[in-house]
Amino acid sequence: MNKMFMSLRTAEARERFTADEAGYCASFGLSAEQQRAVLDRDWQAMIDLGGSIFYVYKLAMMDGRSMQYLGGVFTGTSEEEFLAALRAGGRRG
């Protein structure tokens, strides 16, 4: 899965992925569970299934998502709440 995410660095790969997401996932040998996580944009499942946040972020960027958005997803907050917590010096507790 991480190899697939890293491939999205090139414009050609992004175009191929956008044209046929399921087929692109299959070409990298993703399991059905991994493919479902990618297609559903289930960010937490991607991490749980072995995705590195740094590689998962390549896909998030294609969707116009920020790292702060993902931080919110992984902490159960909104992007705005996550960003406010960062500006306040991070989460406490």
C-alpha atoms as a PDB file:
ATOM      1  CA  MET A   1       0.000   0.000   0.000  1.00  0.00           C
ATOM      2  CA  ASN A   2       2.816   2.413   0.849  1.00  0.00           C
ATOM      3  CA  LYS A   3       4.433   1.738  -2.536  1.00  0.00           C
ATOM      4  CA  MET A   4       1.173   2.681  -4.209  1.00  0.00           C
ATOM      5  CA  PHE A   5       0.894   5.883  -2.193  1.00  0.00           C
ATOM      6  CA  MET A   6       4.480   6.822  -3.035  1.00  0.00           C
ATOM      7  CA  SER A   7       3.828   6.257  -6.722  1.00  0.00           C
ATOM      8  CA  LEU A   8       1.386   9.179  -6.585  1.00  0.00           C
ATOM      9  CA  ARG A   9       4.380  11.536  -6.672  1.00  0.00           C
ATOM     10  CA  THR A  10       4.221  11.572 -10.471  1.00  0.00           C
ATOM     11  CA  ALA A  11       1.575  13.304 -12.550  1.00  0.00           C
ATOM     12  CA  GLU A  12       1.201  10.201 -14.743  1.00  0.00           C
ATOM     13  CA  ALA A  13       0.463   8.003 -11.727  1.00  0.00           C
ATOM     14  CA  ARG A  14      -2.044  10.498 -10.353  1.00  0.00           C
ATOM     15  CA  GLU A  15      -3.825  10.566 -13.696  1.00  0.00           C
ATOM     16  CA  ARG A  16      -3.927   6.759 -13.856  1.00  0.00           C
ATOM     17  CA  PHE A  17      -5.189   6.556 -10.275  1.00  0.00           C
ATOM     18  CA  THR A  18      -7.884   9.154 -10.889  1.00  0.00           C
ATOM     19  CA  ALA A  19      -9.052   7.378 -14.038  1.00  0.00           C
ATOM     20  CA  ASP A  20      -9.442   3.981 -12.329  1.00  0.00           C
ATOM     21  CA  GLU A  21      -8.816   3.953  -8.585  1.00  0.00           C
ATOM     22  CA  ALA A  22      -9.794   0.315  -8.064  1.00  0.00           C
ATOM     23  CA  GLY A  23      -7.711  -0.876 -10.992  1.00  0.00           C
ATOM     24  CA  TYR A  24      -4.732   1.143  -9.815  1.00  0.00           C
ATOM     25  CA  CYS A  25      -5.002  -0.360  -6.317  1.00  0.00           C
ATOM     26  CA  ALA A  26      -5.230  -3.837  -7.818  1.00  0.00           C
ATOM     27  CA  SER A  27      -2.124  -3.241  -9.928  1.00  0.00           C
ATOM     28  CA  PHE A  28      -0.176  -2.820  -6.673  1.00  0.00           C
ATOM     29  CA  GLY A  29      -1.623  -6.011  -5.180  1.00  0.00           C
ATOM     30  CA  LEU A  30      -3.644  -4.344  -2.432  1.00  0.00           C
ATOM     31  CA  SER A  31      -5.836  -6.681  -0.434  1.00  0.00           C
ATOM     32  CA  ALA A  32      -9.598  -6.207  -0.624  1.00  0.00           C
ATOM     33  CA  GLU A  33      -9.507  -4.585   2.818  1.00  0.00           C
ATOM     34  CA  GLN A  34      -6.732  -2.182   1.835  1.00  0.00           C
ATOM     35  CA  GLN A  35      -8.479  -1.337  -1.418  1.00  0.00           C
ATOM     36  CA  ARG A  36     -11.754  -0.624   0.393  1.00  0.00           C
ATOM     37  CA  ALA A  37      -9.942   1.689   2.833  1.00  0.00           C
ATOM     38  CA  VAL A  38      -8.383   3.623  -0.059  1.00  0.00           C
ATOM     39  CA  LEU A  39     -11.572   3.844  -2.115  1.00  0.00           C
ATOM     40  CA  ASP A  40     -13.644   4.884   0.923  1.00  0.00           C
ATOM     41  CA  ARG A  41     -10.919   7.308   2.068  1.00  0.00           C
ATOM     42  CA  ASP A  42     -10.997   5.609   5.444  1.00  0.00           C
ATOM     43  CA  TRP A  43      -7.830   7.283   6.687  1.00  0.00           C
ATOM     44  CA  GLN A  44      -7.712   5.452  10.012  1.00  0.00           C
ATOM     45  CA  ALA A  45      -8.135   2.072   8.314  1.00  0.00           C
ATOM     46  CA  MET A  46      -5.277   2.903   5.947  1.00  0.00           C
ATOM     47  CA  ILE A  47      -3.018   3.509   8.959  1.00  0.00           C
ATOM     48  CA  ASP A  48      -4.325   0.429  10.774  1.00  0.00           C
ATOM     49  CA  LEU A  49      -3.597  -1.680   7.685  1.00  0.00           C
ATOM     50  CA  GLY A  50       0.042  -0.611   7.573  1.00  0.00           C
ATOM     51  CA  GLY A  51      -0.007   2.712   5.791  1.00  0.00           C
ATOM     52  CA  SER A  52       2.553   5.272   6.866  1.00  0.00           C
ATOM     53  CA  ILE A  53       1.071   8.693   7.589  1.00  0.00           C
ATOM     54  CA  PHE A  54       3.731  10.216   5.351  1.00  0.00           C
ATOM     55  CA  TYR A  55       2.639   8.039   2.440  1.00  0.00           C
ATOM     56  CA  VAL A  56      -1.110   8.184   3.154  1.00  0.00           C
ATOM     57  CA  TYR A  57      -0.731  11.955   3.004  1.00  0.00           C
ATOM     58  CA  LYS A  58       0.139  11.665  -0.723  1.00  0.00           C
ATOM     59  CA  LEU A  59      -3.435  10.482  -1.313  1.00  0.00           C
ATOM     60  CA  ALA A  60      -4.894  13.093   1.031  1.00  0.00           C
ATOM     61  CA  MET A  61      -3.143  15.827  -0.945  1.00  0.00           C
ATOM     62  CA  MET A  62      -4.812  14.551  -4.123  1.00  0.00           C
ATOM     63  CA  ASP A  63      -8.138  15.104  -2.380  1.00  0.00           C
ATOM     64  CA  GLY A  64      -7.136  18.625  -1.321  1.00  0.00           C
ATOM     65  CA  ARG A  65      -6.753  17.571   2.320  1.00  0.00           C
ATOM     66  CA  SER A  66      -4.177  19.033   4.673  1.00  0.00           C
ATOM     67  CA  MET A  67      -2.005  17.339   7.241  1.00  0.00           C
ATOM     68  CA  GLN A  68      -4.039  19.210   9.849  1.00  0.00           C
ATOM     69  CA  TYR A  69      -7.184  17.592   8.445  1.00  0.00           C
ATOM     70  CA  LEU A  70      -5.619  14.161   8.942  1.00  0.00           C
ATOM     71  CA  GLY A  71      -4.455  15.183  12.419  1.00  0.00           C
ATOM     72  CA  GLY A  72      -8.062  15.986  13.233  1.00  0.00           C
ATOM     73  CA  VAL A  73      -9.247  12.634  11.870  1.00  0.00           C
ATOM     74  CA  PHE A  74      -6.697  10.758  13.982  1.00  0.00           C
ATOM     75  CA  THR A  75      -7.464  12.729  17.161  1.00  0.00           C
ATOM     76  CA  GLY A  76     -11.242  12.846  16.823  1.00  0.00           C
ATOM     77  CA  THR A  77     -11.349  16.601  16.271  1.00  0.00           C
ATOM     78  CA  SER A  78     -12.113  18.870  13.363  1.00  0.00           C
ATOM     79  CA  GLU A  79      -9.328  20.328  11.260  1.00  0.00           C
ATOM     80  CA  GLU A  80      -9.970  23.707  12.881  1.00  0.00           C
ATOM     81  CA  GLU A  81      -9.867  22.266  16.408  1.00  0.00           C
ATOM     82  CA  PHE A  82      -6.655  20.399  15.637  1.00  0.00           C
ATOM     83  CA  LEU A  83      -5.048  23.545  14.224  1.00  0.00           C
ATOM     84  CA  ALA A  84      -6.161  25.573  17.256  1.00  0.00           C
ATOM     85  CA  ALA A  85      -4.610  22.972  19.563  1.00  0.00           C
ATOM     86  CA  LEU A  86      -1.338  23.191  17.639  1.00  0.00           C
ATOM     87  CA  ARG A  87      -1.327  26.963  17.914  1.00  0.00           C
ATOM     88  CA  ALA A  88      -1.998  26.682  21.647  1.00  0.00           C
ATOM     89  CA  GLY A  89       1.064  24.502  22.138  1.00  0.00           C
ATOM     90  CA  GLY A  90      -0.361  21.057  21.458  1.00  0.00           C
ATOM     91  CA  ARG A  91      -2.813  18.776  23.162  1.00  0.00           C
ATOM     92  CA  ARG A  92      -2.696  18.321  26.898  1.00  0.00           C
ATOM     93  CA  GLY A  93      -3.183  14.987  28.623  1.00  0.00           C
END
